Amino acid sequence: MKVAISIPDHLFRAADRTAKRLRVPRSQLYRRALEAYLKRAERPDVTERLDAVHAKKRNGPDEAWLAHGLEALRRSEWED
């Protein structure tokens, strides 16, 4: 399908140079760029993914890790 779009001159020139350097037609460069952009846009945002992970966690520290850390401190040279 053919589509007409408007882009700034500097972007057109940069795309033209890149297409020549890669030895691909401009239309193929635009297609690849659009595919890559859409693939990234479909993925959940990193912040959204981290929020989802942290929402599943309990509000307090993990008791086993806390006990392990305290025991390591007791055995360390830091104690007086």
N, C-alpha and C. Protein backbone atom coordinates (compact mmCIF):
# COMPACT_ATOMS: atom_id res chain seq x y z
N MET A 1 0.84 -1.17 0.00
CA MET A 1 0.00 0.00 0.00
C MET A 1 0.89 1.24 0.00
N LYS A 2 0.54 2.18 -0.78
CA LYS A 2 1.28 3.43 -0.82
C LYS A 2 0.60 4.43 0.10
N VAL A 3 1.45 5.21 0.80
CA VAL A 3 0.95 6.20 1.74
C VAL A 3 1.77 7.47 1.55
N ALA A 4 1.13 8.61 1.58
CA ALA A 4 1.83 9.88 1.52
C ALA A 4 1.89 10.45 2.93
N ILE A 5 3.09 10.83 3.36
CA ILE A 5 3.26 11.42 4.68
C ILE A 5 4.09 12.69 4.56
N SER A 6 4.00 13.53 5.55
CA SER A 6 4.82 14.74 5.60
C SER A 6 5.80 14.61 6.75
N ILE A 7 7.07 14.87 6.47
CA ILE A 7 8.09 14.86 7.50
C ILE A 7 8.99 16.08 7.30
N PRO A 8 9.64 16.55 8.34
CA PRO A 8 10.54 17.69 8.19
C PRO A 8 11.69 17.37 7.24
N ASP A 9 12.20 18.41 6.57
CA ASP A 9 13.28 18.23 5.61
C ASP A 9 14.50 17.54 6.22
N HIS A 10 14.89 17.95 7.43
CA HIS A 10 16.10 17.37 8.04
C HIS A 10 15.92 15.88 8.30
N LEU A 11 14.70 15.46 8.64
CA LEU A 11 14.45 14.04 8.87
C LEU A 11 14.49 13.27 7.55
N PHE A 12 13.94 13.86 6.50
CA PHE A 12 13.99 13.23 5.19
C PHE A 12 15.44 13.04 4.73
N ARG A 13 16.25 14.08 4.90
CA ARG A 13 17.65 13.99 4.47
C ARG A 13 18.42 12.94 5.27
N ALA A 14 18.16 12.89 6.57
CA ALA A 14 18.82 11.89 7.41
C ALA A 14 18.40 10.48 7.00
N ALA A 15 17.13 10.29 6.73
CA ALA A 15 16.64 8.97 6.30
C ALA A 15 17.23 8.61 4.94
N ASP A 16 17.31 9.57 4.05
CA ASP A 16 17.88 9.33 2.73
C ASP A 16 19.34 8.89 2.84
N ARG A 17 20.11 9.61 3.67
CA ARG A 17 21.52 9.22 3.87
C ARG A 17 21.63 7.82 4.46
N THR A 18 20.79 7.53 5.43
CA THR A 18 20.84 6.21 6.08
C THR A 18 20.47 5.11 5.10
N ALA A 19 19.44 5.33 4.30
CA ALA A 19 19.03 4.33 3.31
C ALA A 19 20.17 4.06 2.32
N LYS A 20 20.86 5.12 1.88
CA LYS A 20 21.99 4.93 0.96
C LYS A 20 23.12 4.17 1.62
N ARG A 21 23.40 4.53 2.89
CA ARG A 21 24.48 3.85 3.61
C ARG A 21 24.17 2.37 3.80
N LEU A 22 22.90 2.06 4.08
CA LEU A 22 22.49 0.67 4.28
C LEU A 22 22.21 -0.05 2.96
N ARG A 23 22.21 0.73 1.87
CA ARG A 23 21.93 0.18 0.53
C ARG A 23 20.55 -0.49 0.47
N VAL A 24 19.55 0.24 0.99
CA VAL A 24 18.16 -0.22 0.93
C VAL A 24 17.31 0.93 0.40
N PRO A 25 16.20 0.61 -0.24
CA PRO A 25 15.30 1.69 -0.67
C PRO A 25 14.75 2.45 0.54
N ARG A 26 14.47 3.74 0.33
CA ARG A 26 13.90 4.55 1.42
C ARG A 26 12.63 3.91 1.98
N SER A 27 11.79 3.40 1.13
CA SER A 27 10.53 2.82 1.60
C SER A 27 10.78 1.64 2.55
N GLN A 28 11.83 0.87 2.25
CA GLN A 28 12.18 -0.24 3.14
C GLN A 28 12.70 0.29 4.48
N LEU A 29 13.49 1.35 4.46
CA LEU A 29 13.98 1.96 5.69
C LEU A 29 12.80 2.45 6.53
N TYR A 30 11.86 3.16 5.90
CA TYR A 30 10.69 3.66 6.63
C TYR A 30 9.87 2.51 7.20
N ARG A 31 9.71 1.46 6.42
CA ARG A 31 8.94 0.30 6.88
C ARG A 31 9.61 -0.33 8.10
N ARG A 32 10.93 -0.53 8.02
CA ARG A 32 11.66 -1.12 9.16
C ARG A 32 11.54 -0.24 10.40
N ALA A 33 11.69 1.07 10.20
CA ALA A 33 11.62 2.00 11.33
C ALA A 33 10.24 1.97 11.96
N LEU A 34 9.21 1.95 11.14
CA LEU A 34 7.84 1.92 11.66
C LEU A 34 7.57 0.60 12.39
N GLU A 35 8.03 -0.51 11.83
CA GLU A 35 7.86 -1.81 12.50
C GLU A 35 8.55 -1.82 13.86
N ALA A 36 9.77 -1.30 13.92
CA ALA A 36 10.51 -1.27 15.19
C ALA A 36 9.80 -0.38 16.20
N TYR A 37 9.31 0.76 15.75
CA TYR A 37 8.61 1.68 16.64
C TYR A 37 7.33 1.04 17.18
N LEU A 38 6.57 0.42 16.30
CA LEU A 38 5.32 -0.20 16.74
C LEU A 38 5.56 -1.37 17.69
N LYS A 39 6.62 -2.12 17.45
CA LYS A 39 6.95 -3.23 18.34
C LYS A 39 7.25 -2.72 19.74
N ARG A 40 8.02 -1.63 19.83
CA ARG A 40 8.33 -1.05 21.14
C ARG A 40 7.10 -0.44 21.78
N ALA A 41 6.26 0.19 20.98
CA ALA A 41 5.07 0.86 21.51
C ALA A 41 4.06 -0.15 22.06
N GLU A 42 4.08 -1.37 21.56
CA GLU A 42 3.14 -2.39 22.01
C GLU A 42 3.56 -3.01 23.34
N ARG A 43 4.84 -2.90 23.69
CA ARG A 43 5.32 -3.46 24.95
C ARG A 43 4.91 -2.54 26.09
N PRO A 44 4.61 -3.13 27.25
CA PRO A 44 4.30 -2.27 28.39
C PRO A 44 5.50 -1.42 28.76
N ASP A 45 5.24 -0.24 29.21
CA ASP A 45 6.30 0.66 29.64
C ASP A 45 7.07 0.02 30.79
N VAL A 46 8.36 0.30 30.87
CA VAL A 46 9.21 -0.27 31.92
C VAL A 46 8.65 0.08 33.29
N THR A 47 8.25 1.32 33.47
CA THR A 47 7.70 1.74 34.76
C THR A 47 6.45 0.95 35.10
N GLU A 48 5.59 0.75 34.12
CA GLU A 48 4.37 -0.03 34.36
C GLU A 48 4.71 -1.45 34.77
N ARG A 49 5.72 -2.05 34.12
CA ARG A 49 6.10 -3.42 34.47
C ARG A 49 6.69 -3.48 35.86
N LEU A 50 7.54 -2.51 36.21
CA LEU A 50 8.12 -2.50 37.56
C LEU A 50 7.04 -2.27 38.61
N ASP A 51 6.09 -1.37 38.33
CA ASP A 51 4.99 -1.15 39.27
C ASP A 51 4.20 -2.43 39.49
N ALA A 52 3.98 -3.19 38.43
CA ALA A 52 3.23 -4.44 38.54
C ALA A 52 4.00 -5.44 39.40
N VAL A 53 5.30 -5.52 39.23
CA VAL A 53 6.11 -6.44 40.04
C VAL A 53 6.06 -6.05 41.50
N HIS A 54 6.24 -4.76 41.77
CA HIS A 54 6.27 -4.30 43.16
C HIS A 54 4.90 -4.36 43.82
N ALA A 55 3.84 -4.26 43.04
CA ALA A 55 2.50 -4.35 43.60
C ALA A 55 2.23 -5.75 44.14
N LYS A 56 2.89 -6.75 43.58
CA LYS A 56 2.69 -8.13 44.02
C LYS A 56 3.46 -8.45 45.29
N LYS A 57 4.44 -7.61 45.63
CA LYS A 57 5.28 -7.88 46.80
C LYS A 57 4.56 -7.48 48.08
N ARG A 58 4.98 -8.12 49.16
CA ARG A 58 4.45 -7.75 50.47
C ARG A 58 5.01 -6.39 50.86
N ASN A 59 4.39 -5.79 51.87
CA ASN A 59 4.83 -4.46 52.29
C ASN A 59 6.08 -4.49 53.16
N GLY A 60 6.40 -5.59 53.80
CA GLY A 60 7.55 -5.64 54.69
C GLY A 60 8.70 -6.39 54.06
N PRO A 61 9.86 -6.40 54.76
CA PRO A 61 11.01 -7.13 54.23
C PRO A 61 10.79 -8.64 54.32
N ASP A 62 11.46 -9.36 53.46
CA ASP A 62 11.39 -10.82 53.49
C ASP A 62 12.07 -11.29 54.78
N GLU A 63 11.36 -12.03 55.59
CA GLU A 63 11.87 -12.44 56.90
C GLU A 63 13.13 -13.31 56.80
N ALA A 64 13.18 -14.20 55.84
CA ALA A 64 14.35 -15.07 55.70
C ALA A 64 15.59 -14.26 55.35
N TRP A 65 15.46 -13.32 54.42
CA TRP A 65 16.60 -12.48 54.06
C TRP A 65 17.01 -11.59 55.22
N LEU A 66 16.04 -11.08 55.95
CA LEU A 66 16.34 -10.23 57.09
C LEU A 66 17.11 -11.02 58.15
N ALA A 67 16.67 -12.23 58.45
CA ALA A 67 17.36 -13.07 59.43
C ALA A 67 18.77 -13.39 58.96
N HIS A 68 18.92 -13.71 57.70
CA HIS A 68 20.24 -14.02 57.14
C HIS A 68 21.16 -12.81 57.25
N GLY A 69 20.66 -11.64 56.92
CA GLY A 69 21.45 -10.41 57.00
C GLY A 69 21.87 -10.10 58.42
N LEU A 70 20.96 -10.27 59.37
CA LEU A 70 21.28 -10.02 60.77
C LEU A 70 22.34 -10.99 61.27
N GLU A 71 22.22 -12.25 60.87
CA GLU A 71 23.22 -13.25 61.27
C GLU A 71 24.58 -12.91 60.68
N ALA A 72 24.62 -12.46 59.45
CA ALA A 72 25.89 -12.08 58.82
C ALA A 72 26.51 -10.90 59.56
N LEU A 73 25.69 -9.96 59.99
CA LEU A 73 26.21 -8.83 60.74
C LEU A 73 26.76 -9.27 62.10
N ARG A 74 26.09 -10.21 62.74
CA ARG A 74 26.55 -10.71 64.04
C ARG A 74 27.93 -11.35 63.93
N ARG A 75 28.20 -12.01 62.80
CA ARG A 75 29.46 -12.71 62.61
C ARG A 75 30.55 -11.82 62.02
N SER A 76 30.23 -10.60 61.70
CA SER A 76 31.20 -9.74 61.02
C SER A 76 32.15 -9.07 62.02
N GLU A 77 33.17 -8.46 61.47
CA GLU A 77 34.16 -7.75 62.28
C GLU A 77 33.63 -6.40 62.76
N TRP A 78 32.47 -6.02 62.32
CA TRP A 78 31.91 -4.72 62.68
C TRP A 78 31.43 -4.69 64.13
N GLU A 79 31.20 -5.85 64.71
CA GLU A 79 30.72 -5.87 66.09
C GLU A 79 31.82 -5.48 67.05
N ASP A 80 31.45 -4.81 68.09
CA ASP A 80 32.41 -4.47 69.15
C ASP A 80 32.49 -5.57 70.17
